[in-house]
Amino acid sequence: MPGHHKSQASSARHGSFRLRKANYQSVRGPYKYGNNHFPIQNFYLQEAVKDEGGSYTLKTVGLALKDHQDRYHDKCGMTW
């Protein structure tokens, strides 16, 4: 069914638009999407430490990369 594929492509396009414009709380913290649809986000240096109860947990030491975008984004021909 030729129309079926067109419908799927249209649905996928609309879905990615909703994702790009979504306003939601992310476990990654604030981020946005680059031209190749990969997130532009902060990365943090973390250390495994024992808490008061003796269990290991992650402690954020500091910001490692701010607004980091993958290194291949400029080679991508995708457009929104």
PDB file of N, CA and C in Angstrom:
ATOM      1  N   MET A   1       0.838  -1.179   0.000  1.00  0.00           N
ATOM      2  CA  MET A   1       0.000   0.000   0.000  1.00  0.00           C
ATOM      3  C   MET A   1       0.888   1.250   0.000  1.00  0.00           C
ATOM      4  N   PRO A   2       0.990   1.924  -1.110  1.00  0.00           N
ATOM      5  CA  PRO A   2       1.847   3.103  -1.182  1.00  0.00           C
ATOM      6  C   PRO A   2       1.465   4.194  -0.185  1.00  0.00           C
ATOM      7  N   GLY A   3       0.200   4.392   0.053  1.00  0.00           N
ATOM      8  CA  GLY A   3      -0.239   5.431   0.990  1.00  0.00           C
ATOM      9  C   GLY A   3       0.155   5.128   2.425  1.00  0.00           C
ATOM     10  N   HIS A   4       0.305   3.855   2.731  1.00  0.00           N
ATOM     11  CA  HIS A   4       0.654   3.446   4.089  1.00  0.00           C
ATOM     12  C   HIS A   4       2.032   3.974   4.478  1.00  0.00           C
ATOM     13  N   HIS A   5       3.000   3.877   3.566  1.00  0.00           N
ATOM     14  CA  HIS A   5       4.342   4.365   3.843  1.00  0.00           C
ATOM     15  C   HIS A   5       4.348   5.883   4.018  1.00  0.00           C
ATOM     16  N   LYS A   6       3.565   6.571   3.213  1.00  0.00           N
ATOM     17  CA  LYS A   6       3.484   8.018   3.321  1.00  0.00           C
ATOM     18  C   LYS A   6       2.937   8.412   4.687  1.00  0.00           C
ATOM     19  N   SER A   7       1.952   7.679   5.144  1.00  0.00           N
ATOM     20  CA  SER A   7       1.353   7.952   6.440  1.00  0.00           C
ATOM     21  C   SER A   7       2.365   7.739   7.562  1.00  0.00           C
ATOM     22  N   GLN A   8       3.161   6.674   7.477  1.00  0.00           N
ATOM     23  CA  GLN A   8       4.171   6.409   8.497  1.00  0.00           C
ATOM     24  C   GLN A   8       5.227   7.504   8.515  1.00  0.00           C
ATOM     25  N   ALA A   9       5.669   7.934   7.348  1.00  0.00           N
ATOM     26  CA  ALA A   9       6.684   8.986   7.268  1.00  0.00           C
ATOM     27  C   ALA A   9       6.141  10.285   7.846  1.00  0.00           C
ATOM     28  N   SER A  10       4.901  10.597   7.513  1.00  0.00           N
ATOM     29  CA  SER A  10       4.284  11.810   8.029  1.00  0.00           C
ATOM     30  C   SER A  10       4.164  11.737   9.546  1.00  0.00           C
ATOM     31  N   SER A  11       3.761  10.593  10.048  1.00  0.00           N
ATOM     32  CA  SER A  11       3.629  10.401  11.490  1.00  0.00           C
ATOM     33  C   SER A  11       4.980  10.534  12.185  1.00  0.00           C
ATOM     34  N   ALA A  12       6.029   9.984  11.601  1.00  0.00           N
ATOM     35  CA  ALA A  12       7.373  10.070  12.177  1.00  0.00           C
ATOM     36  C   ALA A  12       7.848  11.515  12.198  1.00  0.00           C
ATOM     37  N   ARG A  13       7.576  12.250  11.119  1.00  0.00           N
ATOM     38  CA  ARG A  13       7.965  13.661  11.064  1.00  0.00           C
ATOM     39  C   ARG A  13       7.273  14.451  12.168  1.00  0.00           C
ATOM     40  N   HIS A  14       5.981  14.233  12.332  1.00  0.00           N
ATOM     41  CA  HIS A  14       5.233  14.945  13.362  1.00  0.00           C
ATOM     42  C   HIS A  14       5.691  14.535  14.751  1.00  0.00           C
ATOM     43  N   GLY A  15       6.048  13.279  14.929  1.00  0.00           N
ATOM     44  CA  GLY A  15       6.540  12.796  16.213  1.00  0.00           C
ATOM     45  C   GLY A  15       7.851  13.454  16.587  1.00  0.00           C
ATOM     46  N   SER A  16       8.783  13.580  15.635  1.00  0.00           N
ATOM     47  CA  SER A  16      10.064  14.208  15.946  1.00  0.00           C
ATOM     48  C   SER A  16       9.873  15.693  16.229  1.00  0.00           C
ATOM     49  N   PHE A  17       8.898  16.326  15.585  1.00  0.00           N
ATOM     50  CA  PHE A  17       8.623  17.732  15.862  1.00  0.00           C
ATOM     51  C   PHE A  17       8.141  17.891  17.297  1.00  0.00           C
ATOM     52  N   ARG A  18       7.258  17.014  17.737  1.00  0.00           N
ATOM     53  CA  ARG A  18       6.765  17.081  19.119  1.00  0.00           C
ATOM     54  C   ARG A  18       7.917  16.888  20.097  1.00  0.00           C
ATOM     55  N   LEU A  19       8.821  15.961  19.803  1.00  0.00           N
ATOM     56  CA  LEU A  19       9.948  15.701  20.678  1.00  0.00           C
ATOM     57  C   LEU A  19      10.872  16.909  20.748  1.00  0.00           C
ATOM     58  N   ARG A  20      11.136  17.545  19.632  1.00  0.00           N
ATOM     59  CA  ARG A  20      12.018  18.718  19.613  1.00  0.00           C
ATOM     60  C   ARG A  20      11.441  19.863  20.412  1.00  0.00           C
ATOM     61  N   LYS A  21      10.134  19.999  20.402  1.00  0.00           N
ATOM     62  CA  LYS A  21       9.483  21.117  21.066  1.00  0.00           C
ATOM     63  C   LYS A  21       8.986  20.753  22.464  1.00  0.00           C
ATOM     64  N   ALA A  22       9.218  19.521  22.901  1.00  0.00           N
ATOM     65  CA  ALA A  22       8.706  19.077  24.193  1.00  0.00           C
ATOM     66  C   ALA A  22       9.334  19.874  25.323  1.00  0.00           C
ATOM     67  N   ASN A  23       8.520  20.178  26.306  1.00  0.00           N
ATOM     68  CA  ASN A  23       8.994  20.861  27.495  1.00  0.00           C
ATOM     69  C   ASN A  23       8.754  19.912  28.657  1.00  0.00           C
ATOM     70  N   TYR A  24       9.785  19.161  29.032  1.00  0.00           N
ATOM     71  CA  TYR A  24       9.641  18.177  30.092  1.00  0.00           C
ATOM     72  C   TYR A  24      10.890  18.136  30.949  1.00  0.00           C
ATOM     73  N   GLN A  25      10.747  17.672  32.172  1.00  0.00           N
ATOM     74  CA  GLN A  25      11.873  17.535  33.084  1.00  0.00           C
ATOM     75  C   GLN A  25      12.625  16.261  32.718  1.00  0.00           C
ATOM     76  N   SER A  26      13.895  16.384  32.419  1.00  0.00           N
ATOM     77  CA  SER A  26      14.702  15.247  32.002  1.00  0.00           C
ATOM     78  C   SER A  26      15.657  14.837  33.111  1.00  0.00           C
ATOM     79  N   VAL A  27      15.937  13.549  33.222  1.00  0.00           N
ATOM     80  CA  VAL A  27      16.924  13.079  34.187  1.00  0.00           C
ATOM     81  C   VAL A  27      18.326  13.543  33.785  1.00  0.00           C
ATOM     82  N   ARG A  28      18.500  13.979  32.558  1.00  0.00           N
ATOM     83  CA  ARG A  28      19.790  14.490  32.078  1.00  0.00           C
ATOM     84  C   ARG A  28      19.978  15.960  32.401  1.00  0.00           C
ATOM     85  N   GLY A  29      18.967  16.594  32.914  1.00  0.00           N
ATOM     86  CA  GLY A  29      19.028  18.037  33.110  1.00  0.00           C
ATOM     87  C   GLY A  29      18.591  18.718  31.823  1.00  0.00           C
ATOM     88  N   PRO A  30      18.725  20.040  31.764  1.00  0.00           N
ATOM     89  CA  PRO A  30      18.278  20.747  30.555  1.00  0.00           C
ATOM     90  C   PRO A  30      19.147  20.398  29.348  1.00  0.00           C
ATOM     91  N   TYR A  31      18.498  20.198  28.231  1.00  0.00           N
ATOM     92  CA  TYR A  31      19.220  19.949  26.988  1.00  0.00           C
ATOM     93  C   TYR A  31      18.354  20.297  25.806  1.00  0.00           C
ATOM     94  N   LYS A  32      18.976  20.361  24.643  1.00  0.00           N
ATOM     95  CA  LYS A  32      18.270  20.610  23.384  1.00  0.00           C
ATOM     96  C   LYS A  32      18.855  19.672  22.346  1.00  0.00           C
ATOM     97  N   TYR A  33      18.260  19.649  21.189  1.00  0.00           N
ATOM     98  CA  TYR A  33      18.721  18.760  20.129  1.00  0.00           C
ATOM     99  C   TYR A  33      19.565  19.511  19.111  1.00  0.00           C
ATOM    100  N   GLY A  34      20.626  18.857  18.627  1.00  0.00           N
ATOM    101  CA  GLY A  34      21.471  19.423  17.584  1.00  0.00           C
ATOM    102  C   GLY A  34      20.905  19.129  16.209  1.00  0.00           C
ATOM    103  N   ASN A  35      21.612  19.565  15.196  1.00  0.00           N
ATOM    104  CA  ASN A  35      21.153  19.385  13.818  1.00  0.00           C
ATOM    105  C   ASN A  35      21.036  17.911  13.420  1.00  0.00           C
ATOM    106  N   ASN A  36      21.774  17.024  14.086  1.00  0.00           N
ATOM    107  CA  ASN A  36      21.698  15.596  13.752  1.00  0.00           C
ATOM    108  C   ASN A  36      20.806  14.829  14.721  1.00  0.00           C
ATOM    109  N   HIS A  37      20.005  15.565  15.486  1.00  0.00           N
ATOM    110  CA  HIS A  37      18.993  15.016  16.388  1.00  0.00           C
ATOM    111  C   HIS A  37      19.588  14.341  17.625  1.00  0.00           C
ATOM    112  N   PHE A  38      20.868  14.550  17.907  1.00  0.00           N
ATOM    113  CA  PHE A  38      21.483  14.081  19.144  1.00  0.00           C
ATOM    114  C   PHE A  38      21.381  15.210  20.171  1.00  0.00           C
ATOM    115  N   PRO A  39      21.244  14.868  21.433  1.00  0.00           N
ATOM    116  CA  PRO A  39      21.135  15.921  22.453  1.00  0.00           C
ATOM    117  C   PRO A  39      22.416  16.740  22.609  1.00  0.00           C
ATOM    118  N   ILE A  40      22.236  18.019  22.873  1.00  0.00           N
ATOM    119  CA  ILE A  40      23.312  18.903  23.309  1.00  0.00           C
ATOM    120  C   ILE A  40      23.065  19.052  24.802  1.00  0.00           C
ATOM    121  N   GLN A  41      24.017  18.604  25.613  1.00  0.00           N
ATOM    122  CA  GLN A  41      23.757  18.528  27.047  1.00  0.00           C
ATOM    123  C   GLN A  41      25.032  18.677  27.861  1.00  0.00           C
ATOM    124  N   ASN A  42      24.857  18.868  29.147  1.00  0.00           N
ATOM    125  CA  ASN A  42      25.984  18.933  30.067  1.00  0.00           C
ATOM    126  C   ASN A  42      26.344  17.517  30.517  1.00  0.00           C
ATOM    127  N   PHE A  43      27.635  17.303  30.746  1.00  0.00           N
ATOM    128  CA  PHE A  43      28.124  16.048  31.323  1.00  0.00           C
ATOM    129  C   PHE A  43      28.844  16.386  32.615  1.00  0.00           C
ATOM    130  N   TYR A  44      28.642  15.549  33.620  1.00  0.00           N
ATOM    131  CA  TYR A  44      29.181  15.821  34.940  1.00  0.00           C
ATOM    132  C   TYR A  44      30.170  14.739  35.348  1.00  0.00           C
ATOM    133  N   LEU A  45      31.216  15.151  36.053  1.00  0.00           N
ATOM    134  CA  LEU A  45      32.174  14.228  36.629  1.00  0.00           C
ATOM    135  C   LEU A  45      31.582  13.724  37.938  1.00  0.00           C
ATOM    136  N   GLN A  46      31.494  12.402  38.082  1.00  0.00           N
ATOM    137  CA  GLN A  46      30.927  11.817  39.297  1.00  0.00           C
ATOM    138  C   GLN A  46      31.905  10.829  39.905  1.00  0.00           C
ATOM    139  N   GLU A  47      31.773  10.657  41.195  1.00  0.00           N
ATOM    140  CA  GLU A  47      32.646   9.779  41.949  1.00  0.00           C
ATOM    141  C   GLU A  47      31.779   8.819  42.754  1.00  0.00           C
ATOM    142  N   ALA A  48      32.162   7.546  42.792  1.00  0.00           N
ATOM    143  CA  ALA A  48      31.445   6.559  43.612  1.00  0.00           C
ATOM    144  C   ALA A  48      31.963   6.673  45.040  1.00  0.00           C
ATOM    145  N   VAL A  49      31.054   6.984  45.976  1.00  0.00           N
ATOM    146  CA  VAL A  49      31.420   7.147  47.381  1.00  0.00           C
ATOM    147  C   VAL A  49      30.438   6.378  48.261  1.00  0.00           C
ATOM    148  N   LYS A  50      30.852   6.075  49.463  1.00  0.00           N
ATOM    149  CA  LYS A  50      29.956   5.425  50.428  1.00  0.00           C
ATOM    150  C   LYS A  50      29.143   6.498  51.148  1.00  0.00           C
ATOM    151  N   ASP A  51      27.846   6.233  51.301  1.00  0.00           N
ATOM    152  CA  ASP A  51      27.003   7.151  52.056  1.00  0.00           C
ATOM    153  C   ASP A  51      27.037   6.787  53.539  1.00  0.00           C
ATOM    154  N   GLU A  52      26.224   7.453  54.341  1.00  0.00           N
ATOM    155  CA  GLU A  52      26.212   7.230  55.783  1.00  0.00           C
ATOM    156  C   GLU A  52      25.875   5.788  56.155  1.00  0.00           C
ATOM    157  N   GLY A  53      25.091   5.135  55.325  1.00  0.00           N
ATOM    158  CA  GLY A  53      24.686   3.761  55.591  1.00  0.00           C
ATOM    159  C   GLY A  53      25.667   2.720  55.077  1.00  0.00           C
ATOM    160  N   GLY A  54      26.743   3.152  54.455  1.00  0.00           N
ATOM    161  CA  GLY A  54      27.745   2.234  53.927  1.00  0.00           C
ATOM    162  C   GLY A  54      27.491   1.770  52.510  1.00  0.00           C
ATOM    163  N   SER A  55      26.407   2.258  51.890  1.00  0.00           N
ATOM    164  CA  SER A  55      26.099   1.903  50.500  1.00  0.00           C
ATOM    165  C   SER A  55      26.814   2.868  49.559  1.00  0.00           C
ATOM    166  N   TYR A  56      27.147   2.372  48.387  1.00  0.00           N
ATOM    167  CA  TYR A  56      27.782   3.236  47.398  1.00  0.00           C
ATOM    168  C   TYR A  56      26.739   4.071  46.678  1.00  0.00           C
ATOM    169  N   THR A  57      27.094   5.290  46.413  1.00  0.00           N
ATOM    170  CA  THR A  57      26.240   6.207  45.685  1.00  0.00           C
ATOM    171  C   THR A  57      27.137   7.112  44.830  1.00  0.00           C
ATOM    172  N   LEU A  58      26.539   7.831  43.907  1.00  0.00           N
ATOM    173  CA  LEU A  58      27.316   8.746  43.064  1.00  0.00           C
ATOM    174  C   LEU A  58      27.271  10.158  43.635  1.00  0.00           C
ATOM    175  N   LYS A  59      28.425  10.766  43.709  1.00  0.00           N
ATOM    176  CA  LYS A  59      28.553  12.148  44.155  1.00  0.00           C
ATOM    177  C   LYS A  59      29.016  12.970  42.960  1.00  0.00           C
ATOM    178  N   THR A  60      28.285  14.015  42.629  1.00  0.00           N
ATOM    179  CA  THR A  60      28.685  14.887  41.530  1.00  0.00           C
ATOM    180  C   THR A  60      29.833  15.766  41.995  1.00  0.00           C
ATOM    181  N   VAL A  61      30.948  15.661  41.296  1.00  0.00           N
ATOM    182  CA  VAL A  61      32.156  16.409  41.641  1.00  0.00           C
ATOM    183  C   VAL A  61      32.159  17.766  40.946  1.00  0.00           C
ATOM    184  N   GLY A  62      31.715  17.786  39.688  1.00  0.00           N
ATOM    185  CA  GLY A  62      31.689  19.046  38.950  1.00  0.00           C
ATOM    186  C   GLY A  62      31.245  18.854  37.521  1.00  0.00           C
ATOM    187  N   LEU A  63      31.215  19.937  36.808  1.00  0.00           N
ATOM    188  CA  LEU A  63      30.817  19.938  35.401  1.00  0.00           C
ATOM    189  C   LEU A  63      32.020  19.563  34.542  1.00  0.00           C
ATOM    190  N   ALA A  64      31.883  18.515  33.754  1.00  0.00           N
ATOM    191  CA  ALA A  64      32.979  18.072  32.884  1.00  0.00           C
ATOM    192  C   ALA A  64      32.884  18.719  31.498  1.00  0.00           C
ATOM    193  N   LEU A  65      31.685  18.745  30.927  1.00  0.00           N
ATOM    194  CA  LEU A  65      31.464  19.339  29.598  1.00  0.00           C
ATOM    195  C   LEU A  65      30.161  20.119  29.624  1.00  0.00           C
ATOM    196  N   LYS A  66      30.195  21.371  29.222  1.00  0.00           N
ATOM    197  CA  LYS A  66      28.993  22.200  29.197  1.00  0.00           C
ATOM    198  C   LYS A  66      28.454  22.307  27.774  1.00  0.00           C
ATOM    199  N   ASP A  67      27.150  22.111  27.624  1.00  0.00           N
ATOM    200  CA  ASP A  67      26.493  22.193  26.311  1.00  0.00           C
ATOM    201  C   ASP A  67      27.264  21.414  25.257  1.00  0.00           C
ATOM    202  N   HIS A  68      27.614  20.196  25.588  1.00  0.00           N
ATOM    203  CA  HIS A  68      28.429  19.365  24.701  1.00  0.00           C
ATOM    204  C   HIS A  68      27.597  18.817  23.550  1.00  0.00           C
ATOM    205  N   GLN A  69      28.152  18.932  22.348  1.00  0.00           N
ATOM    206  CA  GLN A  69      27.527  18.370  21.145  1.00  0.00           C
ATOM    207  C   GLN A  69      28.482  17.338  20.574  1.00  0.00           C
ATOM    208  N   ASP A  70      27.954  16.251  20.062  1.00  0.00           N
ATOM    209  CA  ASP A  70      28.828  15.190  19.552  1.00  0.00           C
ATOM    210  C   ASP A  70      29.743  15.714  18.454  1.00  0.00           C
ATOM    211  N   ARG A  71      30.871  15.059  18.311  1.00  0.00           N
ATOM    212  CA  ARG A  71      31.917  15.575  17.428  1.00  0.00           C
ATOM    213  C   ARG A  71      31.609  15.443  15.940  1.00  0.00           C
ATOM    214  N   TYR A  72      30.577  14.707  15.578  1.00  0.00           N
ATOM    215  CA  TYR A  72      30.278  14.502  14.156  1.00  0.00           C
ATOM    216  C   TYR A  72      29.094  15.332  13.657  1.00  0.00           C
ATOM    217  N   HIS A  73      28.558  16.178  14.476  1.00  0.00           N
ATOM    218  CA  HIS A  73      27.367  16.936  14.081  1.00  0.00           C
ATOM    219  C   HIS A  73      27.591  17.784  12.835  1.00  0.00           C
ATOM    220  N   ASP A  74      28.794  18.290  12.652  1.00  0.00           N
ATOM    221  CA  ASP A  74      29.049  19.140  11.489  1.00  0.00           C
ATOM    222  C   ASP A  74      29.184  18.340  10.192  1.00  0.00           C
ATOM    223  N   LYS A  75      29.259  17.030  10.283  1.00  0.00           N
ATOM    224  CA  LYS A  75      29.344  16.176   9.089  1.00  0.00           C
ATOM    225  C   LYS A  75      27.967  15.636   8.684  1.00  0.00           C
ATOM    226  N   CYS A  76      26.973  15.936   9.476  1.00  0.00           N
ATOM    227  CA  CYS A  76      25.628  15.412   9.235  1.00  0.00           C
ATOM    228  C   CYS A  76      24.844  16.346   8.309  1.00  0.00           C
ATOM    229  N   GLY A  77      24.228  15.761   7.310  1.00  0.00           N
ATOM    230  CA  GLY A  77      23.443  16.546   6.351  1.00  0.00           C
ATOM    231  C   GLY A  77      21.977  16.633   6.703  1.00  0.00           C
ATOM    232  N   MET A  78      21.587  16.097   7.855  1.00  0.00           N
ATOM    233  CA  MET A  78      20.167  16.126   8.234  1.00  0.00           C
ATOM    234  C   MET A  78      19.733  17.551   8.509  1.00  0.00           C
ATOM    235  N   THR A  79      18.465  17.802   8.247  1.00  0.00           N
ATOM    236  CA  THR A  79      17.867  19.094   8.571  1.00  0.00           C
ATOM    237  C   THR A  79      16.563  18.814   9.296  1.00  0.00           C
ATOM    238  N   TRP A  80      16.098  19.780  10.027  1.00  0.00           N
ATOM    239  CA  TRP A  80      14.844  19.603  10.755  1.00  0.00           C
ATOM    240  C   TRP A  80      13.722  19.716   9.767  1.00  0.00           C
TER     241      TRP A  80
END
